[in-house]
C-alpha atoms as a PDB file:
ATOM      1  CA  MET A   1     100.137 117.029 128.361  1.00  0.00           C
ATOM      2  CA  LYS A   2     103.800 118.238 129.455  1.00  0.00           C
ATOM      3  CA  LYS A   3     105.679 120.064 127.214  1.00  0.00           C
ATOM      4  CA  LEU A   4     109.052 118.789 126.225  1.00  0.00           C
ATOM      5  CA  LYS A   5     112.222 120.999 126.631  1.00  0.00           C
ATOM      6  CA  ASN A   6     113.146 121.057 123.112  1.00  0.00           C
ATOM      7  CA  GLU A   7     109.795 120.154 121.497  1.00  0.00           C
ATOM      8  CA  LYS A   8     110.297 122.319 118.443  1.00  0.00           C
ATOM      9  CA  GLU A   9     113.565 120.558 117.428  1.00  0.00           C
ATOM     10  CA  LEU A  10     112.122 117.215 118.088  1.00  0.00           C
ATOM     11  CA  LEU A  11     109.096 118.124 115.981  1.00  0.00           C
ATOM     12  CA  LYS A  12     111.594 119.147 113.149  1.00  0.00           C
ATOM     13  CA  LYS A  13     113.344 115.730 113.509  1.00  0.00           C
ATOM     14  CA  ALA A  14     110.145 113.984 113.650  1.00  0.00           C
ATOM     15  CA  ILE A  15     108.961 115.585 110.308  1.00  0.00           C
ATOM     16  CA  ASP A  16     112.279 114.740 108.653  1.00  0.00           C
ATOM     17  CA  GLU A  17     112.481 111.138 109.728  1.00  0.00           C
ATOM     18  CA  GLY A  18     108.813 110.862 109.185  1.00  0.00           C
ATOM     19  CA  VAL A  19     109.099 111.870 105.653  1.00  0.00           C
ATOM     20  CA  LYS A  20     112.002 109.387 105.095  1.00  0.00           C
ATOM     21  CA  TYR A  21     110.052 106.605 106.727  1.00  0.00           C
ATOM     22  CA  ALA A  22     106.921 107.290 104.374  1.00  0.00           C
ATOM     23  CA  GLU A  23     108.795 107.631 101.343  1.00  0.00           C
ATOM     24  CA  LYS A  24     111.008 104.439 102.087  1.00  0.00           C
ATOM     25  CA  ARG A  25     108.073 102.576 102.564  1.00  0.00           C
ATOM     26  CA  GLY A  26     106.619 103.877  99.330  1.00  0.00           C
ATOM     27  CA  VAL A  27     103.259 105.117 100.366  1.00  0.00           C
ATOM     28  CA  VAL A  28     103.637 108.907  99.549  1.00  0.00           C
ATOM     29  CA  GLU A  29     105.995 111.347  97.925  1.00  0.00           C
ATOM     30  CA  PHE A  30     105.819 114.642  99.789  1.00  0.00           C
ATOM     31  CA  GLU A  31     105.951 117.989  97.734  1.00  0.00           C
ATOM     32  CA  ALA A  32     107.735 121.028  98.635  1.00  0.00           C
ATOM     33  CA  THR A  33     104.365 122.771  98.732  1.00  0.00           C
ATOM     34  CA  ASP A  34     102.973 120.463 101.372  1.00  0.00           C
ATOM     35  CA  SER A  35     102.712 122.295 104.643  1.00  0.00           C
ATOM     36  CA  ALA A  36     103.892 121.051 108.014  1.00  0.00           C
ATOM     37  CA  ASN A  37     100.477 120.428 109.266  1.00  0.00           C
ATOM     38  CA  GLU A  38      99.484 118.133 106.261  1.00  0.00           C
ATOM     39  CA  LYS A  39     102.913 116.310 107.036  1.00  0.00           C
ATOM     40  CA  VAL A  40     102.453 116.019 110.865  1.00  0.00           C
ATOM     41  CA  GLU A  41      99.010 114.694 110.151  1.00  0.00           C
ATOM     42  CA  TYR A  42     100.069 112.203 107.499  1.00  0.00           C
ATOM     43  CA  ILE A  43     103.016 111.055 109.415  1.00  0.00           C
ATOM     44  CA  TYR A  44     100.941 110.483 112.711  1.00  0.00           C
ATOM     45  CA  ARG A  45      98.287 108.522 111.014  1.00  0.00           C
ATOM     46  CA  LEU A  46     101.012 106.317 109.094  1.00  0.00           C
ATOM     47  CA  LEU A  47     102.696 105.577 112.374  1.00  0.00           C
ATOM     48  CA  ILE A  48      99.357 104.568 113.824  1.00  0.00           C
ATOM     49  CA  HIS A  49      98.323 102.438 111.035  1.00  0.00           C
ATOM     50  CA  ASP A  50     101.905 100.587 111.406  1.00  0.00           C
ATOM     51  CA  ALA A  51     101.532 100.464 115.173  1.00  0.00           C
ATOM     52  CA  VAL A  52     104.753 102.421 115.725  1.00  0.00           C
ATOM     53  CA  ILE A  53     103.087 104.570 118.149  1.00  0.00           C
ATOM     54  CA  GLN A  54      99.951 104.362 120.399  1.00  0.00           C
ATOM     55  CA  PRO A  55      97.043 106.375 119.189  1.00  0.00           C
ATOM     56  CA  ILE A  56      95.511 109.451 120.889  1.00  0.00           C
ATOM     57  CA  PRO A  57      91.907 109.080 121.758  1.00  0.00           C
ATOM     58  CA  GLU A  58      89.691 110.367 118.694  1.00  0.00           C
ATOM     59  CA  ASP A  59      88.077 113.158 120.928  1.00  0.00           C
ATOM     60  CA  GLN A  60      91.372 114.564 121.841  1.00  0.00           C
ATOM     61  CA  ILE A  61      93.063 114.648 118.504  1.00  0.00           C
ATOM     62  CA  SER A  62      94.406 118.061 117.495  1.00  0.00           C
ATOM     63  CA  GLN A  63      97.271 119.560 115.648  1.00  0.00           C
ATOM     64  CA  LYS A  64      98.751 120.352 118.921  1.00  0.00           C
ATOM     65  CA  THR A  65      98.335 116.671 120.323  1.00  0.00           C
ATOM     66  CA  MET A  66      99.767 115.097 116.999  1.00  0.00           C
ATOM     67  CA  ARG A  67     102.938 117.433 117.238  1.00  0.00           C
ATOM     68  CA  HIS A  68     103.457 116.555 120.757  1.00  0.00           C
ATOM     69  CA  LYS A  69     103.214 112.717 120.042  1.00  0.00           C
ATOM     70  CA  LEU A  70     105.521 112.806 117.116  1.00  0.00           C
ATOM     71  CA  ALA A  71     108.054 114.942 119.206  1.00  0.00           C
ATOM     72  CA  ILE A  72     107.825 111.994 121.799  1.00  0.00           C
ATOM     73  CA  TRP A  73     108.461 109.520 119.142  1.00  0.00           C
ATOM     74  CA  ALA A  74     111.444 111.447 117.749  1.00  0.00           C
ATOM     75  CA  SER A  75     112.891 111.842 121.370  1.00  0.00           C
ATOM     76  CA  LYS A  76     113.161 107.921 121.283  1.00  0.00           C
ATOM     77  CA  LEU A  77     114.818 107.477 117.905  1.00  0.00           C
END
């Protein structure tokens, strides 16, 4: 897994866009107390469910790989 140049900024963008996407779809309302890790996992699983991104193999899923996948997704928006 190759680290992206501006992965932190892309992850922030991915979380912002993912929250908008999920709330627009009407499946969730995020609270201010939700952690970034919870948001990352929920957004990742929602995008997989909607076939927006390709899933990571189950044995390789971690917070780090989900963050990386969302950063890649954000870079293409």
